[in-house]
Amino acid sequence: MIRLSHAIGKRADAGGRWRYASAMRRLLIPIAFVLAWPAMAAQPLYREIKDFVVACDNGGACRALGLAQEDGGNPLLLDLHRDAGPSGKATLRLSAARRFAARDLRVDGKTSTVSALPWRDAGDANGGALELQDPNAIAKFVDLARNAGAITIGRGQDSANLSLSGFSAALLLVDETQGRIGNETAWLRRGAKPASAVPAAGALPALPPPPKSAALSRAQATSLIAAVRRQQSKLIAGEECDTSNPDLSPDSAYALSGDEALVLLNCFNGAYQSASLGFRIDRAGRGPARRLVLQAPIRTGDNDGRIDYFTNADYDPASATLSHAAKGRGLGDCGEAASWRFDGREFRLASYAYLGRCSGADPGDWPTLFRSAGR
């Protein structure tokens, strides 16, 4: 399993994958604030259960992903999404590298009434896909698959396989997270409670409008970059940044406000991504440069609730948004993406998506764990 990390001292090997040194060198910053969400917001959740991943965002929307087994083969992938709330919309999608029809579906190697469900052909030139959007049909699929071992299409070398190991546990976790256990809308443990008893979706945080400020001139940007590199030379050396690489992506500087600027110093280049250190500094170049350490909504095996390396970093002054997108490997079937809005004082989390398991998911289609209103 390929994992991401925000450990200090990461390096890119020839293939572009990140290598990691010990994270113990960095000063541990209290991160209790990371998990303090607005009272009405749901708690983001990410969990791997056998061959499934469950991800729920701060609005209570959940995805259960059935991914490829790590020994390879031709995968048949399952993506089951459900919004929070009494009338939360649900969609179930099966996808594979080649086109297929509902009649091709087999449950534990046998024909099944799963083929008779009202599937919609959602395939295209990039591969095959079938979708269910009717809640009753999705519930019927769950009933047919919950105790099975696998769903397949095709035969022999042309077959594609979806392991259902962990499927029932994943559905139970979604039901529990959305408050559906014992409810008529539950996928696994249905009961007599009406849909109206399901808790409403969590409130999403609103972001402030971006502050207005004059852009930096090229001379100002160059001067600020030099000032930060001079001030932070020991830190840069401690991070083992590859300052001698002639192909290193250029550093950049942006106005944050009338008084402050953001400087992004490129530290490493890999085959398909680069990593930068971020700093805040007085835009006149006076005073110390402060390293940028921003929040992530969850702790995973890849971060401790904070991000201090920014991969493929970009700052958009018009929207005051800093973005970060880190692939776990070149295929892009796992990784982390986040964005933060500068509110005039601090960077506020705007969005976050994460998939720690590299097992054939669509490139960049990583489950959302945090979103803000209007995004």
Protein backbone atom coordinates (compact mmCIF):
# COMPACT_ATOMS: atom_id res chain seq x y z
CA MET A 1 0.00 0.00 0.00
CA ILE A 2 1.47 3.35 -1.02
CA ARG A 3 1.00 6.09 1.54
CA LEU A 4 1.32 9.84 1.55
CA SER A 5 3.05 11.73 4.33
CA HIS A 6 3.76 15.22 5.54
CA ALA A 7 6.83 14.10 7.46
CA ILE A 8 9.74 16.47 7.50
CA GLY A 9 12.59 15.59 5.17
CA LYS A 10 10.64 13.99 2.35
CA ARG A 11 12.45 13.44 -0.91
CA ALA A 12 11.40 12.45 -4.41
CA ASP A 13 13.02 9.40 -5.94
CA ALA A 14 13.63 8.89 -9.66
CA GLY A 15 10.10 7.59 -10.13
CA GLY A 16 8.59 10.59 -8.41
CA ARG A 17 7.37 8.77 -5.31
CA TRP A 18 8.07 10.48 -2.03
CA ARG A 19 10.61 9.05 0.37
CA TYR A 20 10.37 10.13 3.99
CA ALA A 21 12.77 10.84 6.82
CA SER A 22 11.84 11.01 10.47
CA ALA A 23 9.18 13.51 11.49
CA MET A 24 10.55 13.68 15.02
CA ARG A 25 12.70 16.70 14.23
CA ARG A 26 9.79 19.05 13.89
CA LEU A 27 8.33 20.97 16.77
CA LEU A 28 5.03 19.41 17.73
CA ILE A 29 2.29 22.04 17.60
CA PRO A 30 -0.90 21.52 19.62
CA ILE A 31 -3.63 20.58 17.16
CA ALA A 32 -6.71 20.28 19.32
CA PHE A 33 -8.20 23.15 17.28
CA VAL A 34 -8.14 20.97 14.18
CA LEU A 35 -11.06 18.90 15.38
CA ALA A 36 -13.16 21.78 16.73
CA TRP A 37 -15.86 22.09 14.06
CA PRO A 38 -18.95 24.31 14.19
CA ALA A 39 -21.62 22.90 16.50
CA MET A 40 -23.95 21.85 13.69
CA ALA A 41 -21.24 20.33 11.50
CA ALA A 42 -20.66 16.59 11.22
CA GLN A 43 -17.30 15.08 12.13
CA PRO A 44 -15.29 14.06 9.04
CA LEU A 45 -14.56 10.34 8.94
CA TYR A 46 -12.15 8.17 6.95
CA ARG A 47 -11.80 4.43 7.52
CA GLU A 48 -10.49 1.46 5.54
CA ILE A 49 -12.42 -1.78 6.14
CA LYS A 50 -10.91 -4.76 4.31
CA ASP A 51 -11.49 -4.04 0.59
CA PHE A 52 -13.64 -0.97 1.24
CA VAL A 53 -13.03 2.64 2.17
CA VAL A 54 -15.66 4.75 3.95
CA ALA A 55 -15.37 8.53 3.82
CA CYS A 56 -17.87 11.03 5.25
CA ASP A 57 -17.55 14.81 5.10
CA ASN A 58 -18.43 17.60 7.51
CA GLY A 59 -21.89 17.86 5.97
CA GLY A 60 -22.59 14.19 6.66
CA ALA A 61 -22.41 13.00 3.03
CA CYS A 62 -20.74 9.57 2.81
CA ARG A 63 -19.06 7.38 0.20
CA ALA A 64 -18.35 3.65 0.42
CA LEU A 65 -15.72 2.65 -2.12
CA GLY A 66 -15.02 -0.92 -3.14
CA LEU A 67 -11.52 -0.82 -4.61
CA ALA A 68 -9.16 -3.20 -6.34
CA GLN A 69 -7.32 -5.77 -4.28
CA GLU A 70 -3.64 -5.01 -3.97
CA ASP A 71 -2.52 -8.09 -5.85
CA GLY A 72 -3.65 -6.41 -9.07
CA GLY A 73 -5.87 -7.96 -11.71
CA ASN A 74 -8.72 -6.32 -13.58
CA PRO A 75 -10.81 -4.48 -11.01
CA LEU A 76 -14.52 -3.86 -10.93
CA LEU A 77 -14.97 -0.82 -8.71
CA LEU A 78 -17.97 0.16 -6.60
CA ASP A 79 -18.77 3.73 -5.58
CA LEU A 80 -21.80 4.16 -3.33
CA HIS A 81 -22.59 7.76 -2.38
CA ARG A 82 -25.31 9.07 -0.09
CA ASP A 83 -26.10 12.60 1.05
CA ALA A 84 -27.08 13.19 4.66
CA GLY A 85 -30.59 13.95 5.85
CA PRO A 86 -34.06 12.39 5.54
CA SER A 87 -34.17 12.75 1.75
CA GLY A 88 -30.45 12.33 1.09
CA LYS A 89 -29.84 11.41 -2.55
CA ALA A 90 -27.99 8.13 -3.20
CA THR A 91 -26.08 6.85 -6.24
CA LEU A 92 -24.43 3.47 -6.79
CA ARG A 93 -21.86 3.09 -9.57
CA LEU A 94 -20.00 0.03 -10.84
CA SER A 95 -17.09 0.75 -13.19
CA ALA A 96 -14.39 -1.16 -15.07
CA ALA A 97 -11.74 -0.52 -17.69
CA ARG A 98 -13.93 -1.93 -20.48
CA ARG A 99 -17.58 -1.58 -21.42
CA PHE A 100 -20.02 -4.09 -19.94
CA ALA A 101 -23.77 -4.60 -19.60
CA ALA A 102 -26.04 -5.48 -16.69
CA ARG A 103 -26.47 -9.00 -18.06
CA ASP A 104 -22.72 -9.54 -17.54
CA LEU A 105 -22.95 -9.19 -13.75
CA ARG A 106 -22.39 -12.33 -11.67
CA VAL A 107 -22.71 -12.68 -7.89
CA ASP A 108 -20.30 -15.31 -6.56
CA GLY A 109 -19.93 -16.55 -10.14
CA LYS A 110 -23.64 -17.10 -10.70
CA THR A 111 -26.33 -15.21 -12.57
CA SER A 112 -28.40 -13.06 -10.25
CA THR A 113 -31.44 -10.84 -10.21
CA VAL A 114 -28.96 -8.01 -9.63
CA SER A 115 -28.82 -7.86 -13.44
CA ALA A 116 -32.53 -7.02 -13.58
CA LEU A 117 -32.20 -3.83 -11.53
CA PRO A 118 -32.82 -0.55 -13.43
CA TRP A 119 -29.20 0.12 -14.33
CA ARG A 120 -28.25 3.17 -16.39
CA ASP A 121 -25.34 2.78 -18.80
CA ALA A 122 -22.86 5.48 -17.75
CA GLY A 123 -19.86 4.19 -19.70
CA ASP A 124 -17.81 6.24 -22.13
CA ALA A 125 -14.68 5.98 -24.26
CA ASN A 126 -12.56 5.60 -21.11
CA GLY A 127 -14.36 2.52 -19.77
CA GLY A 128 -17.60 0.93 -18.71
CA ALA A 129 -19.95 1.96 -15.92
CA LEU A 130 -23.44 1.15 -14.68
CA GLU A 131 -25.40 3.34 -12.26
CA LEU A 132 -28.39 3.02 -9.97
CA GLN A 133 -30.12 6.15 -8.69
CA ASP A 134 -33.43 4.76 -7.47
CA PRO A 135 -33.25 4.29 -3.66
CA ASN A 136 -35.37 1.13 -3.76
CA ALA A 137 -33.10 -0.39 -6.42
CA ILE A 138 -30.00 0.47 -4.38
CA ALA A 139 -31.59 -1.16 -1.31
CA LYS A 140 -32.31 -4.26 -3.40
CA PHE A 141 -28.68 -4.36 -4.60
CA VAL A 142 -27.54 -4.19 -0.98
CA ASP A 143 -29.83 -7.08 -0.05
CA LEU A 144 -28.46 -9.20 -2.91
CA ALA A 145 -24.79 -8.40 -2.27
CA ARG A 146 -24.44 -7.99 1.51
CA ASN A 147 -23.70 -11.67 2.20
CA ALA A 148 -21.87 -12.41 -1.06
CA GLY A 149 -18.14 -12.70 -1.58
CA ALA A 150 -17.67 -11.04 -4.97
CA ILE A 151 -19.30 -9.55 -8.04
CA THR A 152 -17.68 -10.23 -11.39
CA ILE A 153 -18.10 -9.44 -15.06
CA GLY A 154 -16.71 -11.57 -17.89
CA ARG A 155 -14.81 -14.81 -17.62
CA GLY A 156 -11.19 -15.95 -17.52
CA GLN A 157 -8.52 -13.39 -18.32
CA ASP A 158 -11.17 -10.89 -19.44
CA SER A 159 -13.01 -10.96 -16.11
CA ALA A 160 -13.11 -8.05 -13.68
CA ASN A 161 -13.68 -8.68 -9.99
CA LEU A 162 -15.15 -6.70 -7.10
CA SER A 163 -14.38 -8.15 -3.69
CA LEU A 164 -17.25 -7.62 -1.25
CA SER A 165 -15.05 -8.22 1.78
CA GLY A 166 -15.94 -5.40 4.15
CA PHE A 167 -19.07 -4.34 2.22
CA SER A 168 -21.56 -4.94 5.03
CA ALA A 169 -19.34 -3.31 7.65
CA ALA A 170 -18.87 -0.29 5.38
CA LEU A 171 -22.63 0.10 4.91
CA LEU A 172 -23.23 -0.24 8.64
CA LEU A 173 -20.71 2.51 9.30
CA VAL A 174 -22.44 4.81 6.80
CA ASP A 175 -25.84 4.08 8.37
CA GLU A 176 -24.45 4.75 11.84
CA THR A 177 -22.70 7.97 10.80
CA GLN A 178 -25.86 9.33 9.16
CA GLY A 179 -28.15 8.27 12.02
CA ARG A 180 -30.10 5.72 9.97
CA ILE A 181 -29.84 2.55 12.08
CA GLY A 182 -33.35 1.33 12.85
CA ASN A 183 -34.74 3.65 10.16
CA GLU A 184 -36.63 2.66 7.02
CA THR A 185 -33.91 4.39 4.98
CA ALA A 186 -31.03 2.31 6.43
CA TRP A 187 -29.04 0.16 4.04
CA LEU A 188 -28.18 -2.57 6.50
CA ARG A 189 -30.18 -2.43 9.75
CA ARG A 190 -33.58 -1.20 8.64
CA GLY A 191 -36.35 -0.54 11.12
CA ALA A 192 -39.72 1.12 11.54
CA LYS A 193 -38.55 4.69 12.18
CA PRO A 194 -39.70 7.07 9.43
CA ALA A 195 -37.31 8.92 7.14
CA SER A 196 -38.24 12.15 8.93
CA ALA A 197 -36.40 10.85 12.02
CA VAL A 198 -33.02 10.93 10.22
CA PRO A 199 -30.87 13.87 11.40
CA ALA A 200 -30.51 16.79 9.00
CA ALA A 201 -27.31 17.35 7.06
CA GLY A 202 -24.59 19.22 8.92
CA ALA A 203 -24.24 22.95 8.36
CA LEU A 204 -21.33 23.88 6.10
CA PRO A 205 -19.07 26.77 7.16
CA ALA A 206 -19.30 29.96 5.12
CA LEU A 207 -16.09 31.54 3.90
CA PRO A 208 -15.51 35.30 4.10
CA PRO A 209 -14.97 37.29 0.91
CA PRO A 210 -11.31 37.54 -0.12
CA PRO A 211 -9.53 40.66 1.14
CA LYS A 212 -8.49 43.24 -1.42
CA SER A 213 -4.84 44.22 -1.69
CA ALA A 214 -2.45 45.58 -4.28
CA ALA A 215 -0.35 42.95 -6.05
CA LEU A 216 3.38 42.70 -5.46
CA SER A 217 5.67 44.06 -8.13
CA ARG A 218 8.22 41.68 -9.61
CA ALA A 219 10.96 43.51 -7.69
CA GLN A 220 9.03 43.21 -4.42
CA ALA A 221 8.43 39.50 -4.97
CA THR A 222 12.10 38.87 -5.76
CA SER A 223 13.20 40.80 -2.67
CA LEU A 224 10.79 38.93 -0.37
CA ILE A 225 11.86 35.53 -1.71
CA ALA A 226 15.50 36.42 -1.08
CA ALA A 227 14.69 37.68 2.42
CA VAL A 228 12.88 34.47 3.38
CA ARG A 229 15.65 32.26 1.97
CA ARG A 230 18.19 34.28 3.93
CA GLN A 231 16.21 34.21 7.18
CA GLN A 232 15.24 30.55 6.92
CA SER A 233 18.51 29.13 5.58
CA LYS A 234 18.95 26.79 8.57
CA LEU A 235 15.39 25.49 8.32
CA ILE A 236 15.76 24.95 4.56
CA ALA A 237 19.00 23.05 5.13
CA GLY A 238 17.34 20.99 7.86
CA GLU A 239 14.56 20.06 5.47
CA GLU A 240 17.23 18.87 3.00
CA CYS A 241 15.66 20.93 0.23
CA ASP A 242 17.21 20.31 -3.17
CA THR A 243 18.47 23.85 -3.73
CA SER A 244 21.12 22.75 -6.25
CA ASN A 245 18.66 21.29 -8.77
CA PRO A 246 18.64 23.52 -11.90
CA ASP A 247 15.21 22.15 -12.85
CA LEU A 248 13.63 23.10 -9.53
CA SER A 249 10.37 24.97 -10.03
CA PRO A 250 10.69 28.70 -9.28
CA ASP A 251 9.84 30.24 -5.92
CA SER A 252 6.88 32.61 -5.79
CA ALA A 253 5.51 35.44 -3.65
CA TYR A 254 2.01 36.92 -3.40
CA ALA A 255 0.32 39.76 -1.55
CA LEU A 256 -1.97 38.51 1.20
CA SER A 257 -3.07 41.94 2.44
CA GLY A 258 -1.82 45.48 2.54
CA ASP A 259 0.67 44.46 5.23
CA GLU A 260 1.58 40.84 4.59
CA ALA A 261 2.79 38.49 1.86
CA LEU A 262 2.93 34.75 1.22
CA VAL A 263 6.20 33.23 -0.01
CA LEU A 264 6.35 29.69 -1.44
CA LEU A 265 9.85 28.21 -1.60
CA ASN A 266 10.17 25.13 -3.79
CA CYS A 267 11.93 22.35 -1.92
CA PHE A 268 11.74 19.26 -4.15
CA ASN A 269 10.79 18.29 -7.66
CA GLY A 270 9.65 14.77 -8.53
CA ALA A 271 8.63 13.15 -11.78
CA TYR A 272 5.06 14.43 -11.53
CA GLN A 273 4.88 16.87 -8.61
CA SER A 274 6.83 19.36 -6.55
CA ALA A 275 6.76 20.31 -2.87
CA SER A 276 7.05 23.77 -1.35
CA LEU A 277 7.52 25.34 2.05
CA GLY A 278 5.22 28.27 2.81
CA PHE A 279 6.02 31.41 4.81
CA ARG A 280 4.18 34.55 5.87
CA ILE A 281 6.21 37.76 6.05
CA ASP A 282 5.66 41.49 6.27
CA ARG A 283 5.37 42.60 2.64
CA ALA A 284 7.95 45.33 3.27
CA GLY A 285 10.43 42.60 4.26
CA ARG A 286 10.63 43.68 7.89
CA GLY A 287 10.30 41.22 10.74
CA PRO A 288 10.63 37.43 10.83
CA ALA A 289 9.18 35.03 8.26
CA ARG A 290 6.78 32.54 9.87
CA ARG A 291 6.46 29.04 8.49
CA LEU A 292 2.98 28.19 7.25
CA VAL A 293 1.38 25.21 9.01
CA LEU A 294 -2.28 24.63 8.12
CA GLN A 295 -4.99 22.33 9.38
CA ALA A 296 -6.32 19.11 7.88
CA PRO A 297 -9.75 17.91 9.07
CA ILE A 298 -8.60 14.46 10.20
CA ARG A 299 -5.55 12.62 11.38
CA THR A 300 -4.58 9.78 9.07
CA GLY A 301 -1.57 7.54 8.64
CA ASP A 302 -0.31 10.31 6.38
CA ASN A 303 -0.73 13.42 8.53
CA ASP A 304 -1.15 14.36 12.17
CA GLY A 305 -3.88 16.90 11.53
CA ARG A 306 -1.67 19.53 9.94
CA ILE A 307 0.01 20.20 6.62
CA ASP A 308 3.37 21.96 6.44
CA TYR A 309 4.50 20.82 2.99
CA PHE A 310 2.43 22.03 0.04
CA THR A 311 2.50 19.84 -3.05
CA ASN A 312 1.94 21.44 -6.45
CA ALA A 313 1.15 24.55 -4.44
CA ASP A 314 -0.64 27.48 -6.03
CA TYR A 315 -2.07 30.71 -4.65
CA ASP A 316 -4.86 32.57 -6.45
CA PRO A 317 -4.86 36.21 -5.28
CA ALA A 318 -8.30 36.91 -6.78
CA SER A 319 -9.98 34.35 -4.51
CA ALA A 320 -7.29 34.44 -1.78
CA THR A 321 -7.09 30.65 -2.09
CA LEU A 322 -4.05 28.44 -1.50
CA SER A 323 -4.30 24.98 -3.06
CA HIS A 324 -2.36 21.77 -2.49
CA ALA A 325 -2.66 18.48 -4.42
CA ALA A 326 -0.42 15.49 -3.69
CA LYS A 327 -0.61 12.27 -5.66
CA GLY A 328 0.32 9.09 -3.82
CA ARG A 329 1.72 7.79 -7.12
CA GLY A 330 1.78 8.82 -10.76
CA LEU A 331 -1.52 7.11 -11.60
CA GLY A 332 -3.32 9.58 -9.37
CA ASP A 333 -5.56 6.86 -7.92
CA CYS A 334 -4.75 8.00 -4.39
CA GLY A 335 -3.69 11.22 -2.77
CA GLU A 336 -4.69 14.35 -0.94
CA ALA A 337 -6.05 17.71 -2.10
CA ALA A 338 -6.87 20.75 0.00
CA SER A 339 -7.59 24.45 -0.31
CA TRP A 340 -7.61 27.29 2.20
CA ARG A 341 -9.09 30.82 1.99
CA PHE A 342 -7.15 33.71 3.53
CA ASP A 343 -9.62 35.83 5.51
CA GLY A 344 -7.34 38.81 6.14
CA ARG A 345 -5.88 37.26 9.30
CA GLU A 346 -5.62 33.50 8.89
CA PHE A 347 -5.98 30.72 6.32
CA ARG A 348 -9.30 28.91 6.77
CA LEU A 349 -9.88 25.42 5.44
CA ALA A 350 -12.18 25.53 2.40
CA SER A 351 -11.98 21.96 1.05
CA TYR A 352 -10.20 18.68 1.68
CA ALA A 353 -10.21 15.34 -0.16
CA TYR A 354 -8.20 12.23 0.64
CA LEU A 355 -7.73 8.63 -0.46
CA GLY A 356 -4.89 6.80 1.24
CA ARG A 357 -5.30 3.52 -0.60
CA CYS A 358 -3.81 3.27 -4.10
CA SER A 359 -6.07 0.64 -5.63
CA GLY A 360 -7.38 1.71 -9.00
CA ALA A 361 -9.79 4.57 -8.23
CA ASP A 362 -10.38 7.13 -10.96
CA PRO A 363 -7.44 9.60 -11.10
CA GLY A 364 -8.03 12.49 -8.74
CA ASP A 365 -11.43 11.18 -7.63
CA TRP A 366 -10.59 11.23 -3.94
CA PRO A 367 -13.40 11.31 -1.38
CA THR A 368 -14.31 14.72 0.01
CA LEU A 369 -13.89 14.99 3.78
CA PHE A 370 -14.43 18.72 4.18
CA ARG A 371 -16.30 21.32 2.15
CA SER A 372 -17.53 24.84 2.72
CA ALA A 373 -20.72 26.56 1.65
CA GLY A 374 -20.80 27.30 -2.06
CA ARG A 375 -17.92 24.95 -2.95
